[in-house]
Amino acid sequence: MKFSTIHLGNNKIEIFNSFMGKETIKLNGEIVSEKSSITGAKHNFKIIENDQKVDCKLILGYGANGVVMDLYKDNIAIIESPKSSLLAILFFLVLFFVFLALTQIAFHY
């Protein structure tokens, strides 16, 4: 499923993420990077700007608000998502498992 589209100059960057953890990056309709990851991955590719190849890095991951991404062009941040603490993510995971355990206990009595 498509996660996002970014228009950067004359370039169109599309980001896809499947439920199985496959991340696909398309540049102007062509796949430039594919990786499998559950926690997010770093994708490196090049775009053409002013007839020159420019290095890009797209980092996908998870934060307290869901999927987050950072996009860098020539090591300059174009998009930076707010960073959340790993502690917040662990808190929500523990809360989920406690809820799951309480649900199991409630249905067995």
C-alpha atoms as a PDB file:
ATOM      1  CA  MET A   1       0.000   0.000   0.000  1.00  0.00           C
ATOM      2  CA  LYS A   2       1.242   3.489  -0.737  1.00  0.00           C
ATOM      3  CA  PHE A   3       2.474   5.297   2.348  1.00  0.00           C
ATOM      4  CA  SER A   4       3.436   8.653   0.851  1.00  0.00           C
ATOM      5  CA  THR A   5       4.381  10.626  -2.257  1.00  0.00           C
ATOM      6  CA  ILE A   6       7.025  13.350  -2.264  1.00  0.00           C
ATOM      7  CA  HIS A   7       7.531  15.795  -5.119  1.00  0.00           C
ATOM      8  CA  LEU A   8      11.115  17.023  -5.043  1.00  0.00           C
ATOM      9  CA  GLY A   9      11.794  19.369  -7.952  1.00  0.00           C
ATOM     10  CA  ASN A  10      10.914  17.428 -11.099  1.00  0.00           C
ATOM     11  CA  ASN A  11      11.194  14.104  -9.254  1.00  0.00           C
ATOM     12  CA  LYS A  12       8.356  12.070  -7.806  1.00  0.00           C
ATOM     13  CA  ILE A  13       9.327   9.764  -4.924  1.00  0.00           C
ATOM     14  CA  GLU A  14       6.710   7.187  -3.929  1.00  0.00           C
ATOM     15  CA  ILE A  15       6.955   5.125  -0.763  1.00  0.00           C
ATOM     16  CA  PHE A  16       5.173   1.794  -0.440  1.00  0.00           C
ATOM     17  CA  ASN A  17       4.990  -0.475   2.603  1.00  0.00           C
ATOM     18  CA  SER A  18       3.359  -3.905   2.726  1.00  0.00           C
ATOM     19  CA  PHE A  19       1.866  -5.620   5.761  1.00  0.00           C
ATOM     20  CA  MET A  20       4.666  -8.180   5.492  1.00  0.00           C
ATOM     21  CA  GLY A  21       7.331  -5.492   6.015  1.00  0.00           C
ATOM     22  CA  LYS A  22       8.457  -4.975   2.413  1.00  0.00           C
ATOM     23  CA  GLU A  23       9.399  -1.360   1.735  1.00  0.00           C
ATOM     24  CA  THR A  24       9.571  -0.180  -1.874  1.00  0.00           C
ATOM     25  CA  ILE A  25      10.805   3.208  -3.072  1.00  0.00           C
ATOM     26  CA  LYS A  26       9.917   4.355  -6.588  1.00  0.00           C
ATOM     27  CA  LEU A  27      11.498   7.321  -8.329  1.00  0.00           C
ATOM     28  CA  ASN A  28       9.481   8.630 -11.272  1.00  0.00           C
ATOM     29  CA  GLY A  29       7.700   5.267 -11.510  1.00  0.00           C
ATOM     30  CA  GLU A  30      10.864   3.097 -11.382  1.00  0.00           C
ATOM     31  CA  ILE A  31      11.859   1.022  -8.350  1.00  0.00           C
ATOM     32  CA  VAL A  32      15.125   2.372  -6.916  1.00  0.00           C
ATOM     33  CA  SER A  33      15.165   0.506  -3.593  1.00  0.00           C
ATOM     34  CA  GLU A  34      13.446  -2.478  -1.980  1.00  0.00           C
ATOM     35  CA  LYS A  35      14.087  -3.811   1.492  1.00  0.00           C
ATOM     36  CA  SER A  36      12.331  -6.049   3.964  1.00  0.00           C
ATOM     37  CA  SER A  37      12.140  -4.756   7.496  1.00  0.00           C
ATOM     38  CA  ILE A  38       9.786  -4.894  10.432  1.00  0.00           C
ATOM     39  CA  THR A  39      11.252  -1.893  12.246  1.00  0.00           C
ATOM     40  CA  GLY A  40      12.109   0.271   9.213  1.00  0.00           C
ATOM     41  CA  ALA A  41      15.067   0.552   6.877  1.00  0.00           C
ATOM     42  CA  LYS A  42      17.434   3.019   5.236  1.00  0.00           C
ATOM     43  CA  HIS A  43      17.122   3.419   1.463  1.00  0.00           C
ATOM     44  CA  ASN A  44      19.878   5.050  -0.602  1.00  0.00           C
ATOM     45  CA  PHE A  45      19.276   6.163  -4.183  1.00  0.00           C
ATOM     46  CA  LYS A  46      20.182   8.953  -6.598  1.00  0.00           C
ATOM     47  CA  ILE A  47      17.990  11.564  -8.259  1.00  0.00           C
ATOM     48  CA  ILE A  48      18.794  13.765 -11.240  1.00  0.00           C
ATOM     49  CA  GLU A  49      18.726  17.497 -10.520  1.00  0.00           C
ATOM     50  CA  ASN A  50      20.104  20.109 -12.930  1.00  0.00           C
ATOM     51  CA  ASP A  51      21.612  17.306 -15.042  1.00  0.00           C
ATOM     52  CA  GLN A  52      23.603  16.021 -12.044  1.00  0.00           C
ATOM     53  CA  LYS A  53      23.183  12.909  -9.896  1.00  0.00           C
ATOM     54  CA  VAL A  54      22.347  13.769  -6.314  1.00  0.00           C
ATOM     55  CA  ASP A  55      22.540  11.281  -3.409  1.00  0.00           C
ATOM     56  CA  CYS A  56      19.342  10.739  -1.440  1.00  0.00           C
ATOM     57  CA  LYS A  57      18.726   8.796   1.746  1.00  0.00           C
ATOM     58  CA  LEU A  58      15.244   7.888   2.950  1.00  0.00           C
ATOM     59  CA  ILE A  59      14.898   6.385   6.422  1.00  0.00           C
ATOM     60  CA  LEU A  60      11.634   4.751   7.445  1.00  0.00           C
ATOM     61  CA  GLY A  61      10.846   3.709  10.999  1.00  0.00           C
ATOM     62  CA  TYR A  62       8.208   3.699  13.704  1.00  0.00           C
ATOM     63  CA  GLY A  63       7.471   6.298  16.326  1.00  0.00           C
ATOM     64  CA  ALA A  64       4.783   6.905  18.919  1.00  0.00           C
ATOM     65  CA  ASN A  65       2.496   8.280  16.170  1.00  0.00           C
ATOM     66  CA  GLY A  66       3.057   5.431  13.695  1.00  0.00           C
ATOM     67  CA  VAL A  67       5.367   5.332  10.681  1.00  0.00           C
ATOM     68  CA  VAL A  68       7.959   8.119  10.521  1.00  0.00           C
ATOM     69  CA  MET A  69      10.358   9.076   7.752  1.00  0.00           C
ATOM     70  CA  ASP A  70      13.411  11.218   7.191  1.00  0.00           C
ATOM     71  CA  LEU A  71      14.559  12.296   3.731  1.00  0.00           C
ATOM     72  CA  TYR A  72      18.030  13.693   3.087  1.00  0.00           C
ATOM     73  CA  LYS A  73      19.375  15.119  -0.159  1.00  0.00           C
ATOM     74  CA  ASP A  74      23.165  15.489  -0.208  1.00  0.00           C
ATOM     75  CA  ASN A  75      23.070  14.923   3.578  1.00  0.00           C
ATOM     76  CA  ILE A  76      20.775  17.935   4.033  1.00  0.00           C
ATOM     77  CA  ALA A  77      17.462  17.225   5.738  1.00  0.00           C
ATOM     78  CA  ILE A  78      14.466  17.721   3.463  1.00  0.00           C
ATOM     79  CA  ILE A  79      11.960  15.966   5.749  1.00  0.00           C
ATOM     80  CA  GLU A  80      12.599  15.060   9.383  1.00  0.00           C
ATOM     81  CA  SER A  81       9.915  13.418  11.470  1.00  0.00           C
ATOM     82  CA  PRO A  82       9.736  14.124  15.169  1.00  0.00           C
ATOM     83  CA  LYS A  83      11.683  11.529  17.084  1.00  0.00           C
ATOM     84  CA  SER A  84       9.886   9.716  19.837  1.00  0.00           C
ATOM     85  CA  SER A  85      11.458   8.017  22.730  1.00  0.00           C
ATOM     86  CA  LEU A  86      11.879   4.266  22.644  1.00  0.00           C
ATOM     87  CA  LEU A  87      10.481   4.349  26.162  1.00  0.00           C
ATOM     88  CA  ALA A  88       7.096   5.535  24.840  1.00  0.00           C
ATOM     89  CA  ILE A  89       6.974   2.694  22.316  1.00  0.00           C
ATOM     90  CA  LEU A  90       7.881   0.145  24.999  1.00  0.00           C
ATOM     91  CA  PHE A  91       5.181   1.594  27.266  1.00  0.00           C
ATOM     92  CA  PHE A  92       2.519   1.056  24.583  1.00  0.00           C
ATOM     93  CA  LEU A  93       3.761  -2.484  23.916  1.00  0.00           C
ATOM     94  CA  VAL A  94       3.625  -3.369  27.614  1.00  0.00           C
ATOM     95  CA  LEU A  95       0.169  -1.785  27.874  1.00  0.00           C
ATOM     96  CA  PHE A  96      -0.993  -3.874  24.886  1.00  0.00           C
ATOM     97  CA  PHE A  97       0.295  -7.127  26.384  1.00  0.00           C
ATOM     98  CA  VAL A  98      -1.267  -6.347  29.778  1.00  0.00           C
ATOM     99  CA  PHE A  99      -4.587  -5.687  28.046  1.00  0.00           C
ATOM    100  CA  LEU A 100      -4.230  -8.955  26.119  1.00  0.00           C
ATOM    101  CA  ALA A 101      -3.492 -10.900  29.301  1.00  0.00           C
ATOM    102  CA  LEU A 102      -6.437  -9.334  31.163  1.00  0.00           C
ATOM    103  CA  THR A 103      -8.733 -10.149  28.249  1.00  0.00           C
ATOM    104  CA  GLN A 104      -7.607 -13.781  28.319  1.00  0.00           C
ATOM    105  CA  ILE A 105      -8.149 -13.974  32.075  1.00  0.00           C
ATOM    106  CA  ALA A 106     -11.608 -12.368  31.823  1.00  0.00           C
ATOM    107  CA  PHE A 107     -12.808 -14.831  29.201  1.00  0.00           C
ATOM    108  CA  HIS A 108     -11.577 -17.878  31.104  1.00  0.00           C
ATOM    109  CA  TYR A 109     -13.598 -17.105  34.264  1.00  0.00           C
END
